[in-house]
Amino acid sequence: MTQNPTIKLPAERVEQLKAIGDVLGLSIADTVGHLIRAEIARGTISDALPGITIDRDGDRIIMTIDGPRRHFLPLDTAKAIAAQLRKLVAPGKDGGTIDLDANWTAYRVGNGIRVGFSDSVVKTLSRDVAVDLARLIEAAARD
């Protein structure tokens, strides 16, 4: 995962984040994700991941990851990709798979999940963000 600049918070806010995380059984990073999803649910920000677009066009999904290259996925393939992401973030030892028909790759790397299309950008996401990606793909692929 690309590390971003340090966010400076007052010690009181850090302790509050830790307290929320302790109650919910989340890391601080996952706690921030939890709070962001709450604001998405309220409509404060859009339900999207920066750098990733997922759109529905009839019987296919169009997805981009950090670039202009568009990938066209049949709905069944998109649903399989979302299921694969959910499997990768679950506890266990599944190392991931490659869908050769879609040029899609997803596998565990360290504490994250590396995802992307083999003919364009491959990106490492935290497990928490990978769950959001799966959810967004599923939402777009719903009949």
C-alpha atoms as a PDB file:
ATOM      1  CA  MET A   1       0.000   0.000   0.000  1.00  0.00           C
ATOM      2  CA  THR A   2       1.179   3.479  -0.653  1.00  0.00           C
ATOM      3  CA  GLN A   3       1.715   5.212   2.646  1.00  0.00           C
ATOM      4  CA  ASN A   4       0.315   8.697   2.864  1.00  0.00           C
ATOM      5  CA  PRO A   5       1.630  11.615   4.875  1.00  0.00           C
ATOM      6  CA  THR A   6       1.167  11.436   8.609  1.00  0.00           C
ATOM      7  CA  ILE A   7      -2.050  12.951   9.879  1.00  0.00           C
ATOM      8  CA  LYS A   8      -1.445  14.894  13.046  1.00  0.00           C
ATOM      9  CA  LEU A   9      -4.216  14.586  15.582  1.00  0.00           C
ATOM     10  CA  PRO A  10      -4.536  15.834  19.124  1.00  0.00           C
ATOM     11  CA  ALA A  11      -3.740  13.086  21.627  1.00  0.00           C
ATOM     12  CA  GLU A  12      -7.354  13.174  22.810  1.00  0.00           C
ATOM     13  CA  ARG A  13      -8.621  12.316  19.303  1.00  0.00           C
ATOM     14  CA  VAL A  14      -6.133   9.469  18.958  1.00  0.00           C
ATOM     15  CA  GLU A  15      -7.358   8.029  22.257  1.00  0.00           C
ATOM     16  CA  GLN A  16     -10.961   8.411  21.106  1.00  0.00           C
ATOM     17  CA  LEU A  17     -10.171   6.585  17.840  1.00  0.00           C
ATOM     18  CA  LYS A  18      -8.480   3.814  19.823  1.00  0.00           C
ATOM     19  CA  ALA A  19     -11.512   3.590  22.144  1.00  0.00           C
ATOM     20  CA  ILE A  20     -13.905   3.276  19.187  1.00  0.00           C
ATOM     21  CA  GLY A  21     -11.648   0.656  17.632  1.00  0.00           C
ATOM     22  CA  ASP A  22     -11.389  -1.293  20.881  1.00  0.00           C
ATOM     23  CA  VAL A  23     -15.166  -1.448  21.227  1.00  0.00           C
ATOM     24  CA  LEU A  24     -15.628  -2.480  17.589  1.00  0.00           C
ATOM     25  CA  GLY A  25     -12.587  -4.761  17.431  1.00  0.00           C
ATOM     26  CA  LEU A  26     -10.955  -2.646  14.712  1.00  0.00           C
ATOM     27  CA  SER A  27      -7.504  -1.244  14.052  1.00  0.00           C
ATOM     28  CA  ILE A  28      -7.191   2.529  13.910  1.00  0.00           C
ATOM     29  CA  ALA A  29      -7.078   2.397  10.095  1.00  0.00           C
ATOM     30  CA  ASP A  30     -10.213   0.232  10.009  1.00  0.00           C
ATOM     31  CA  THR A  31     -11.883   2.547  12.531  1.00  0.00           C
ATOM     32  CA  VAL A  32     -11.280   5.477  10.180  1.00  0.00           C
ATOM     33  CA  GLY A  33     -12.809   3.379   7.378  1.00  0.00           C
ATOM     34  CA  HIS A  34     -15.805   2.642   9.605  1.00  0.00           C
ATOM     35  CA  LEU A  35     -16.296   6.357  10.259  1.00  0.00           C
ATOM     36  CA  ILE A  36     -15.957   7.162   6.545  1.00  0.00           C
ATOM     37  CA  ARG A  37     -18.592   4.542   5.649  1.00  0.00           C
ATOM     38  CA  ALA A  38     -20.910   6.109   8.237  1.00  0.00           C
ATOM     39  CA  GLU A  39     -20.566   9.466   6.470  1.00  0.00           C
ATOM     40  CA  ILE A  40     -21.176   7.779   3.107  1.00  0.00           C
ATOM     41  CA  ALA A  41     -24.377   6.306   4.559  1.00  0.00           C
ATOM     42  CA  ARG A  42     -25.405   9.796   5.701  1.00  0.00           C
ATOM     43  CA  GLY A  43     -24.767  11.195   2.230  1.00  0.00           C
ATOM     44  CA  THR A  44     -21.931  13.478   3.329  1.00  0.00           C
ATOM     45  CA  ILE A  45     -19.616  12.089   0.619  1.00  0.00           C
ATOM     46  CA  SER A  46     -20.210   9.883  -2.393  1.00  0.00           C
ATOM     47  CA  ASP A  47     -19.903   6.112  -2.167  1.00  0.00           C
ATOM     48  CA  ALA A  48     -16.772   5.778  -4.272  1.00  0.00           C
ATOM     49  CA  LEU A  49     -13.084   4.965  -3.958  1.00  0.00           C
ATOM     50  CA  PRO A  50     -10.654   7.625  -5.192  1.00  0.00           C
ATOM     51  CA  GLY A  51      -8.890   6.473  -8.352  1.00  0.00           C
ATOM     52  CA  ILE A  52     -11.344   3.644  -9.051  1.00  0.00           C
ATOM     53  CA  THR A  53     -14.449   3.931 -11.201  1.00  0.00           C
ATOM     54  CA  ILE A  54     -17.138   1.296 -11.466  1.00  0.00           C
ATOM     55  CA  ASP A  55     -20.048   1.894 -13.804  1.00  0.00           C
ATOM     56  CA  ARG A  56     -22.820  -0.269 -15.193  1.00  0.00           C
ATOM     57  CA  ASP A  57     -23.509  -0.305 -18.915  1.00  0.00           C
ATOM     58  CA  GLY A  58     -26.320  -2.708 -19.693  1.00  0.00           C
ATOM     59  CA  ASP A  59     -25.107  -6.251 -19.101  1.00  0.00           C
ATOM     60  CA  ARG A  60     -21.530  -5.321 -18.225  1.00  0.00           C
ATOM     61  CA  ILE A  61     -19.457  -3.386 -15.711  1.00  0.00           C
ATOM     62  CA  ILE A  62     -16.876  -0.828 -16.804  1.00  0.00           C
ATOM     63  CA  MET A  63     -14.032  -0.450 -14.317  1.00  0.00           C
ATOM     64  CA  THR A  64     -10.888   1.678 -14.219  1.00  0.00           C
ATOM     65  CA  ILE A  65      -8.118   1.621 -11.631  1.00  0.00           C
ATOM     66  CA  ASP A  66      -5.781   4.638 -11.417  1.00  0.00           C
ATOM     67  CA  GLY A  67      -5.843   5.441 -15.077  1.00  0.00           C
ATOM     68  CA  PRO A  68      -7.761   5.889 -18.266  1.00  0.00           C
ATOM     69  CA  ARG A  69      -7.759   2.207 -19.339  1.00  0.00           C
ATOM     70  CA  ARG A  70     -11.335   0.926 -19.169  1.00  0.00           C
ATOM     71  CA  HIS A  71     -12.079  -2.749 -18.552  1.00  0.00           C
ATOM     72  CA  PHE A  72     -15.382  -4.238 -19.642  1.00  0.00           C
ATOM     73  CA  LEU A  73     -16.621  -7.115 -17.484  1.00  0.00           C
ATOM     74  CA  PRO A  74     -19.685  -9.303 -17.937  1.00  0.00           C
ATOM     75  CA  LEU A  75     -21.898  -9.155 -14.835  1.00  0.00           C
ATOM     76  CA  ASP A  76     -21.043 -12.733 -13.826  1.00  0.00           C
ATOM     77  CA  THR A  77     -17.314 -11.952 -14.012  1.00  0.00           C
ATOM     78  CA  ALA A  78     -17.767  -8.791 -11.939  1.00  0.00           C
ATOM     79  CA  LYS A  79     -19.708 -10.749  -9.315  1.00  0.00           C
ATOM     80  CA  ALA A  80     -16.972 -13.416  -9.258  1.00  0.00           C
ATOM     81  CA  ILE A  81     -14.326 -10.723  -8.747  1.00  0.00           C
ATOM     82  CA  ALA A  82     -16.290  -9.287  -5.801  1.00  0.00           C
ATOM     83  CA  ALA A  83     -16.637 -12.784  -4.297  1.00  0.00           C
ATOM     84  CA  GLN A  84     -12.909 -13.365  -4.753  1.00  0.00           C
ATOM     85  CA  LEU A  85     -12.104 -10.113  -2.941  1.00  0.00           C
ATOM     86  CA  ARG A  86     -14.345 -11.096  -0.031  1.00  0.00           C
ATOM     87  CA  LYS A  87     -12.629 -14.496   0.150  1.00  0.00           C
ATOM     88  CA  LEU A  88      -9.185 -12.875   0.187  1.00  0.00           C
ATOM     89  CA  VAL A  89      -9.989 -10.562   3.099  1.00  0.00           C
ATOM     90  CA  ALA A  90     -11.486 -13.371   5.186  1.00  0.00           C
ATOM     91  CA  PRO A  91      -9.259 -15.169   7.683  1.00  0.00           C
ATOM     92  CA  GLY A  92      -7.489 -18.127   6.161  1.00  0.00           C
ATOM     93  CA  LYS A  93      -4.707 -18.913   3.759  1.00  0.00           C
ATOM     94  CA  ASP A  94      -6.231 -18.427   0.310  1.00  0.00           C
ATOM     95  CA  GLY A  95      -3.534 -16.902  -1.859  1.00  0.00           C
ATOM     96  CA  GLY A  96      -5.814 -15.577  -4.589  1.00  0.00           C
ATOM     97  CA  THR A  97      -6.455 -16.400  -8.181  1.00  0.00           C
ATOM     98  CA  ILE A  98      -6.182 -14.870 -11.597  1.00  0.00           C
ATOM     99  CA  ASP A  99      -9.180 -14.643 -13.909  1.00  0.00           C
ATOM    100  CA  LEU A 100      -7.542 -14.993 -17.327  1.00  0.00           C
ATOM    101  CA  ASP A 101     -10.740 -14.106 -19.195  1.00  0.00           C
ATOM    102  CA  ALA A 102     -10.876 -10.710 -17.517  1.00  0.00           C
ATOM    103  CA  ASN A 103      -7.106 -10.150 -17.114  1.00  0.00           C
ATOM    104  CA  TRP A 104      -7.925  -9.669 -13.420  1.00  0.00           C
ATOM    105  CA  THR A 105      -5.525 -10.452 -10.614  1.00  0.00           C
ATOM    106  CA  ALA A 106      -6.059 -10.293  -6.868  1.00  0.00           C
ATOM    107  CA  TYR A 107      -3.910 -11.790  -4.146  1.00  0.00           C
ATOM    108  CA  ARG A 108      -2.712 -11.153  -0.627  1.00  0.00           C
ATOM    109  CA  VAL A 109       0.484  -9.213  -0.148  1.00  0.00           C
ATOM    110  CA  GLY A 110       1.532  -8.423   3.414  1.00  0.00           C
ATOM    111  CA  ASN A 111      -1.492  -6.961   5.209  1.00  0.00           C
ATOM    112  CA  GLY A 112      -3.115  -5.873   1.971  1.00  0.00           C
ATOM    113  CA  ILE A 113      -4.678  -7.151  -1.199  1.00  0.00           C
ATOM    114  CA  ARG A 114      -3.069  -6.458  -4.571  1.00  0.00           C
ATOM    115  CA  VAL A 115      -5.738  -5.969  -7.238  1.00  0.00           C
ATOM    116  CA  GLY A 116      -5.890  -4.912 -10.837  1.00  0.00           C
ATOM    117  CA  PHE A 117      -5.840  -5.865 -14.448  1.00  0.00           C
ATOM    118  CA  SER A 118      -2.702  -7.500 -15.788  1.00  0.00           C
ATOM    119  CA  ASP A 119      -2.644  -5.200 -18.823  1.00  0.00           C
ATOM    120  CA  SER A 120      -2.753  -1.969 -16.781  1.00  0.00           C
ATOM    121  CA  VAL A 121      -2.320  -0.695 -13.227  1.00  0.00           C
ATOM    122  CA  VAL A 122      -2.151  -3.107 -10.308  1.00  0.00           C
ATOM    123  CA  LYS A 123      -2.783  -1.493  -6.925  1.00  0.00           C
ATOM    124  CA  THR A 124      -2.396  -2.621  -3.322  1.00  0.00           C
ATOM    125  CA  LEU A 125      -5.382  -1.920  -1.065  1.00  0.00           C
ATOM    126  CA  SER A 126      -5.873  -2.421   2.628  1.00  0.00           C
ATOM    127  CA  ARG A 127      -8.256  -5.259   3.403  1.00  0.00           C
ATOM    128  CA  ASP A 128     -10.806  -2.704   4.597  1.00  0.00           C
ATOM    129  CA  VAL A 129     -10.682  -0.844   1.259  1.00  0.00           C
ATOM    130  CA  ALA A 130     -10.808  -4.165  -0.642  1.00  0.00           C
ATOM    131  CA  VAL A 131     -14.110  -4.911   1.128  1.00  0.00           C
ATOM    132  CA  ASP A 132     -15.407  -1.535  -0.041  1.00  0.00           C
ATOM    133  CA  LEU A 133     -14.299  -2.361  -3.594  1.00  0.00           C
ATOM    134  CA  ALA A 134     -16.158  -5.677  -3.442  1.00  0.00           C
ATOM    135  CA  ARG A 135     -19.277  -3.913  -2.162  1.00  0.00           C
ATOM    136  CA  LEU A 136     -19.146  -1.315  -4.949  1.00  0.00           C
ATOM    137  CA  ILE A 137     -18.708  -3.993  -7.622  1.00  0.00           C
ATOM    138  CA  GLU A 138     -21.624  -5.980  -6.167  1.00  0.00           C
ATOM    139  CA  ALA A 139     -23.835  -2.884  -6.108  1.00  0.00           C
ATOM    140  CA  ALA A 140     -23.077  -2.113  -9.754  1.00  0.00           C
ATOM    141  CA  ALA A 141     -23.628  -5.744 -10.810  1.00  0.00           C
ATOM    142  CA  ARG A 142     -26.996  -6.190  -9.091  1.00  0.00           C
ATOM    143  CA  ASP A 143     -29.745  -7.180 -11.469  1.00  0.00           C
END
